[in-house]
Amino acid sequence: MPECKDLAEVREHIDRLDRQLVPLLAERATYVEQAARFKATKAAVVDIPRIDAIVLKVRHLANEEGMDPDLVEHIYRSMIDAFIIHEAKIYKKLNPDD
């Protein structure tokens, strides 16, 4: 990774990464939306064992990349919380009587 010469260059790289990340998040959202179809109850939207498995996996990935695993865990827990809210909305649309 090249060393940036100024803040403008740092921001250019962050913007470039955001252009890559948002499509990946959009793809992840489509799978989250599909998952709502397979949940038997509204309570099943929050799957603690699955969340714990994801967090453990990304902490290991962070270590492999030389990144702070606590930072990655914080990012993922925030992202998962946002996706849970989204999935709950989808679940409610699919199961209005539940």
N, C-alpha and C. Protein backbone atom coordinates (compact mmCIF):
# COMPACT_ATOMS: atom_id res chain seq x y z
N MET A 1 0.84 -1.17 0.00
CA MET A 1 0.00 0.00 0.00
C MET A 1 0.89 1.24 0.00
N PRO A 2 0.69 2.14 -0.96
CA PRO A 2 1.55 3.32 -1.01
C PRO A 2 1.24 4.29 0.12
N GLU A 3 2.25 5.01 0.53
CA GLU A 3 2.09 6.06 1.55
C GLU A 3 1.48 7.29 0.87
N CYS A 4 0.42 7.81 1.43
CA CYS A 4 -0.24 8.98 0.85
C CYS A 4 0.57 10.24 1.16
N LYS A 5 0.55 11.17 0.22
CA LYS A 5 1.34 12.39 0.38
C LYS A 5 0.55 13.51 1.04
N ASP A 6 -0.82 13.39 1.05
CA ASP A 6 -1.63 14.43 1.68
C ASP A 6 -3.03 13.87 1.98
N LEU A 7 -3.82 14.68 2.66
CA LEU A 7 -5.17 14.26 3.05
C LEU A 7 -6.06 14.02 1.85
N ALA A 8 -5.88 14.81 0.80
CA ALA A 8 -6.69 14.63 -0.41
C ALA A 8 -6.48 13.23 -0.99
N GLU A 9 -5.24 12.78 -1.00
CA GLU A 9 -4.94 11.44 -1.53
C GLU A 9 -5.54 10.36 -0.63
N VAL A 10 -5.46 10.56 0.68
CA VAL A 10 -6.09 9.62 1.62
C VAL A 10 -7.57 9.51 1.30
N ARG A 11 -8.22 10.65 1.12
CA ARG A 11 -9.66 10.67 0.84
C ARG A 11 -9.99 10.02 -0.49
N GLU A 12 -9.13 10.21 -1.49
CA GLU A 12 -9.34 9.55 -2.79
C GLU A 12 -9.35 8.04 -2.63
N HIS A 13 -8.42 7.52 -1.83
CA HIS A 13 -8.36 6.07 -1.61
C HIS A 13 -9.58 5.58 -0.82
N ILE A 14 -9.99 6.34 0.17
CA ILE A 14 -11.19 5.96 0.93
C ILE A 14 -12.41 5.96 0.02
N ASP A 15 -12.54 6.98 -0.83
CA ASP A 15 -13.66 7.03 -1.77
C ASP A 15 -13.63 5.84 -2.74
N ARG A 16 -12.44 5.49 -3.19
CA ARG A 16 -12.29 4.33 -4.09
C ARG A 16 -12.75 3.06 -3.39
N LEU A 17 -12.36 2.90 -2.14
CA LEU A 17 -12.77 1.72 -1.39
C LEU A 17 -14.27 1.71 -1.14
N ASP A 18 -14.84 2.89 -0.86
CA ASP A 18 -16.29 2.96 -0.66
C ASP A 18 -17.04 2.53 -1.92
N ARG A 19 -16.50 2.88 -3.08
CA ARG A 19 -17.14 2.45 -4.34
C ARG A 19 -17.10 0.93 -4.49
N GLN A 20 -16.14 0.28 -3.85
CA GLN A 20 -16.06 -1.18 -3.88
C GLN A 20 -16.92 -1.80 -2.78
N LEU A 21 -16.95 -1.15 -1.62
CA LEU A 21 -17.67 -1.71 -0.47
C LEU A 21 -19.19 -1.66 -0.63
N VAL A 22 -19.71 -0.55 -1.15
CA VAL A 22 -21.17 -0.40 -1.22
C VAL A 22 -21.81 -1.49 -2.09
N PRO A 23 -21.27 -1.82 -3.25
CA PRO A 23 -21.86 -2.94 -4.00
C PRO A 23 -21.81 -4.26 -3.23
N LEU A 24 -20.77 -4.49 -2.46
CA LEU A 24 -20.69 -5.70 -1.65
C LEU A 24 -21.74 -5.69 -0.54
N LEU A 25 -21.95 -4.54 0.07
CA LEU A 25 -22.99 -4.42 1.08
C LEU A 25 -24.38 -4.62 0.48
N ALA A 26 -24.57 -4.10 -0.73
CA ALA A 26 -25.85 -4.30 -1.43
C ALA A 26 -26.08 -5.78 -1.70
N GLU A 27 -25.04 -6.48 -2.11
CA GLU A 27 -25.17 -7.92 -2.34
C GLU A 27 -25.48 -8.64 -1.03
N ARG A 28 -24.79 -8.27 0.03
CA ARG A 28 -25.04 -8.88 1.34
C ARG A 28 -26.50 -8.65 1.75
N ALA A 29 -27.01 -7.45 1.48
CA ALA A 29 -28.40 -7.12 1.83
C ALA A 29 -29.38 -8.03 1.11
N THR A 30 -29.09 -8.37 -0.14
CA THR A 30 -30.02 -9.26 -0.86
C THR A 30 -30.07 -10.64 -0.21
N TYR A 31 -28.95 -11.11 0.31
CA TYR A 31 -28.95 -12.41 1.00
C TYR A 31 -29.66 -12.32 2.35
N VAL A 32 -29.47 -11.20 3.04
CA VAL A 32 -30.19 -10.99 4.30
C VAL A 32 -31.69 -10.99 4.04
N GLU A 33 -32.11 -10.33 2.97
CA GLU A 33 -33.53 -10.29 2.61
C GLU A 33 -34.04 -11.70 2.31
N GLN A 34 -33.25 -12.48 1.62
CA GLN A 34 -33.66 -13.86 1.32
C GLN A 34 -33.74 -14.69 2.60
N ALA A 35 -32.83 -14.44 3.53
CA ALA A 35 -32.84 -15.19 4.79
C ALA A 35 -34.16 -15.03 5.52
N ALA A 36 -34.74 -13.84 5.43
CA ALA A 36 -36.02 -13.59 6.11
C ALA A 36 -37.10 -14.56 5.66
N ARG A 37 -37.03 -15.03 4.43
CA ARG A 37 -38.02 -15.99 3.92
C ARG A 37 -37.95 -17.33 4.64
N PHE A 38 -36.79 -17.66 5.16
CA PHE A 38 -36.58 -18.97 5.76
C PHE A 38 -36.73 -18.98 7.28
N LYS A 39 -36.98 -17.83 7.87
CA LYS A 39 -37.11 -17.75 9.32
C LYS A 39 -38.54 -18.12 9.72
N ALA A 40 -38.66 -19.05 10.67
CA ALA A 40 -39.97 -19.53 11.09
C ALA A 40 -40.70 -18.54 12.00
N THR A 41 -39.93 -17.73 12.73
CA THR A 41 -40.51 -16.76 13.65
C THR A 41 -39.74 -15.46 13.58
N LYS A 42 -40.35 -14.39 14.07
CA LYS A 42 -39.67 -13.10 14.12
C LYS A 42 -38.44 -13.18 15.02
N ALA A 43 -38.54 -13.94 16.09
CA ALA A 43 -37.40 -14.09 17.01
C ALA A 43 -36.19 -14.72 16.32
N ALA A 44 -36.43 -15.53 15.29
CA ALA A 44 -35.34 -16.20 14.58
C ALA A 44 -34.49 -15.24 13.77
N VAL A 45 -34.97 -14.01 13.59
CA VAL A 45 -34.19 -13.01 12.85
C VAL A 45 -32.87 -12.73 13.56
N VAL A 46 -32.89 -12.76 14.89
CA VAL A 46 -31.66 -12.57 15.67
C VAL A 46 -31.13 -13.94 16.05
N ASP A 47 -30.07 -14.35 15.38
CA ASP A 47 -29.49 -15.69 15.58
C ASP A 47 -28.12 -15.51 16.26
N ILE A 48 -28.14 -15.51 17.58
CA ILE A 48 -26.92 -15.24 18.36
C ILE A 48 -25.77 -16.19 18.02
N PRO A 49 -26.00 -17.51 17.92
CA PRO A 49 -24.88 -18.39 17.55
C PRO A 49 -24.26 -18.03 16.19
N ARG A 50 -25.11 -17.64 15.22
CA ARG A 50 -24.60 -17.25 13.90
C ARG A 50 -23.80 -15.95 14.01
N ILE A 51 -24.30 -15.00 14.79
CA ILE A 51 -23.58 -13.74 14.98
C ILE A 51 -22.21 -14.01 15.61
N ASP A 52 -22.19 -14.83 16.64
CA ASP A 52 -20.92 -15.16 17.30
C ASP A 52 -19.95 -15.83 16.34
N ALA A 53 -20.46 -16.70 15.48
CA ALA A 53 -19.60 -17.39 14.50
C ALA A 53 -19.03 -16.39 13.49
N ILE A 54 -19.86 -15.46 13.03
CA ILE A 54 -19.38 -14.45 12.09
C ILE A 54 -18.28 -13.60 12.74
N VAL A 55 -18.54 -13.15 13.97
CA VAL A 55 -17.57 -12.30 14.66
C VAL A 55 -16.25 -13.04 14.85
N LEU A 56 -16.31 -14.29 15.25
CA LEU A 56 -15.09 -15.07 15.43
C LEU A 56 -14.33 -15.18 14.11
N LYS A 57 -15.06 -15.46 13.04
CA LYS A 57 -14.44 -15.60 11.71
C LYS A 57 -13.75 -14.31 11.29
N VAL A 58 -14.45 -13.17 11.43
CA VAL A 58 -13.85 -11.92 10.95
C VAL A 58 -12.71 -11.45 11.85
N ARG A 59 -12.74 -11.82 13.11
CA ARG A 59 -11.59 -11.51 13.98
C ARG A 59 -10.35 -12.25 13.48
N HIS A 60 -10.53 -13.52 13.09
CA HIS A 60 -9.41 -14.29 12.54
C HIS A 60 -8.93 -13.68 11.23
N LEU A 61 -9.87 -13.28 10.38
CA LEU A 61 -9.49 -12.65 9.11
C LEU A 61 -8.73 -11.35 9.37
N ALA A 62 -9.17 -10.58 10.34
CA ALA A 62 -8.47 -9.34 10.68
C ALA A 62 -7.03 -9.62 11.09
N ASN A 63 -6.84 -10.62 11.93
CA ASN A 63 -5.48 -11.00 12.34
C ASN A 63 -4.63 -11.36 11.14
N GLU A 64 -5.21 -12.11 10.21
CA GLU A 64 -4.47 -12.51 9.01
C GLU A 64 -4.06 -11.30 8.17
N GLU A 65 -4.88 -10.25 8.20
CA GLU A 65 -4.60 -9.04 7.41
C GLU A 65 -3.79 -8.01 8.19
N GLY A 66 -3.43 -8.32 9.44
CA GLY A 66 -2.68 -7.38 10.24
C GLY A 66 -3.51 -6.21 10.73
N MET A 67 -4.81 -6.44 10.86
CA MET A 67 -5.74 -5.39 11.29
C MET A 67 -6.17 -5.66 12.72
N ASP A 68 -6.53 -4.62 13.43
CA ASP A 68 -6.99 -4.73 14.81
C ASP A 68 -8.30 -5.53 14.86
N PRO A 69 -8.30 -6.73 15.45
CA PRO A 69 -9.52 -7.54 15.49
C PRO A 69 -10.65 -6.88 16.28
N ASP A 70 -10.31 -6.07 17.27
CA ASP A 70 -11.36 -5.37 18.03
C ASP A 70 -12.10 -4.37 17.13
N LEU A 71 -11.36 -3.69 16.26
CA LEU A 71 -11.98 -2.75 15.33
C LEU A 71 -12.90 -3.49 14.37
N VAL A 72 -12.42 -4.60 13.82
CA VAL A 72 -13.23 -5.39 12.89
C VAL A 72 -14.49 -5.90 13.60
N GLU A 73 -14.34 -6.37 14.82
CA GLU A 73 -15.51 -6.85 15.56
C GLU A 73 -16.52 -5.73 15.75
N HIS A 74 -16.05 -4.56 16.12
CA HIS A 74 -16.96 -3.42 16.33
C HIS A 74 -17.70 -3.08 15.03
N ILE A 75 -16.97 -3.03 13.93
CA ILE A 75 -17.58 -2.72 12.63
C ILE A 75 -18.63 -3.77 12.29
N TYR A 76 -18.28 -5.04 12.44
CA TYR A 76 -19.20 -6.11 12.08
C TYR A 76 -20.43 -6.15 12.99
N ARG A 77 -20.24 -5.94 14.27
CA ARG A 77 -21.40 -5.94 15.17
C ARG A 77 -22.36 -4.79 14.82
N SER A 78 -21.80 -3.64 14.46
CA SER A 78 -22.64 -2.51 14.04
C SER A 78 -23.36 -2.85 12.74
N MET A 79 -22.63 -3.43 11.80
CA MET A 79 -23.23 -3.79 10.52
C MET A 79 -24.32 -4.84 10.71
N ILE A 80 -24.03 -5.85 11.52
CA ILE A 80 -25.01 -6.91 11.76
C ILE A 80 -26.26 -6.33 12.42
N ASP A 81 -26.08 -5.42 13.37
CA ASP A 81 -27.25 -4.77 13.99
C ASP A 81 -28.11 -4.08 12.94
N ALA A 82 -27.47 -3.37 12.01
CA ALA A 82 -28.21 -2.69 10.95
C ALA A 82 -28.93 -3.68 10.05
N PHE A 83 -28.26 -4.78 9.71
CA PHE A 83 -28.89 -5.80 8.87
C PHE A 83 -30.03 -6.51 9.60
N ILE A 84 -29.93 -6.67 10.91
CA ILE A 84 -31.02 -7.28 11.68
C ILE A 84 -32.26 -6.39 11.60
N ILE A 85 -32.09 -5.09 11.73
CA ILE A 85 -33.21 -4.17 11.60
C ILE A 85 -33.84 -4.30 10.22
N HIS A 86 -32.99 -4.36 9.20
CA HIS A 86 -33.48 -4.51 7.82
C HIS A 86 -34.21 -5.84 7.64
N GLU A 87 -33.62 -6.91 8.13
CA GLU A 87 -34.24 -8.23 7.98
C GLU A 87 -35.57 -8.29 8.72
N ALA A 88 -35.65 -7.66 9.88
CA ALA A 88 -36.91 -7.64 10.63
C ALA A 88 -38.01 -6.95 9.84
N LYS A 89 -37.66 -5.88 9.12
CA LYS A 89 -38.63 -5.19 8.27
C LYS A 89 -39.12 -6.10 7.15
N ILE A 90 -38.18 -6.80 6.54
CA ILE A 90 -38.54 -7.73 5.46
C ILE A 90 -39.40 -8.86 6.01
N TYR A 91 -39.02 -9.39 7.17
CA TYR A 91 -39.79 -10.46 7.79
C TYR A 91 -41.23 -9.99 8.03
N LYS A 92 -41.38 -8.77 8.54
CA LYS A 92 -42.71 -8.22 8.83
C LYS A 92 -43.54 -8.11 7.55
N LYS A 93 -42.91 -7.68 6.45
CA LYS A 93 -43.62 -7.60 5.17
C LYS A 93 -44.09 -8.97 4.70
N LEU A 94 -43.23 -9.96 4.89
CA LEU A 94 -43.55 -11.33 4.46
C LEU A 94 -44.55 -12.01 5.38
N ASN A 95 -44.57 -11.60 6.63
CA ASN A 95 -45.41 -12.25 7.67
C ASN A 95 -46.18 -11.18 8.45
N PRO A 96 -47.10 -10.48 7.79
CA PRO A 96 -47.79 -9.37 8.45
C PRO A 96 -48.61 -9.78 9.67
N ASP A 97 -49.00 -11.03 9.75
CA ASP A 97 -49.82 -11.49 10.88
C ASP A 97 -49.00 -12.01 12.05
N ASP A 98 -47.71 -12.06 11.89
CA ASP A 98 -46.82 -12.60 12.94
C ASP A 98 -46.43 -11.52 13.92
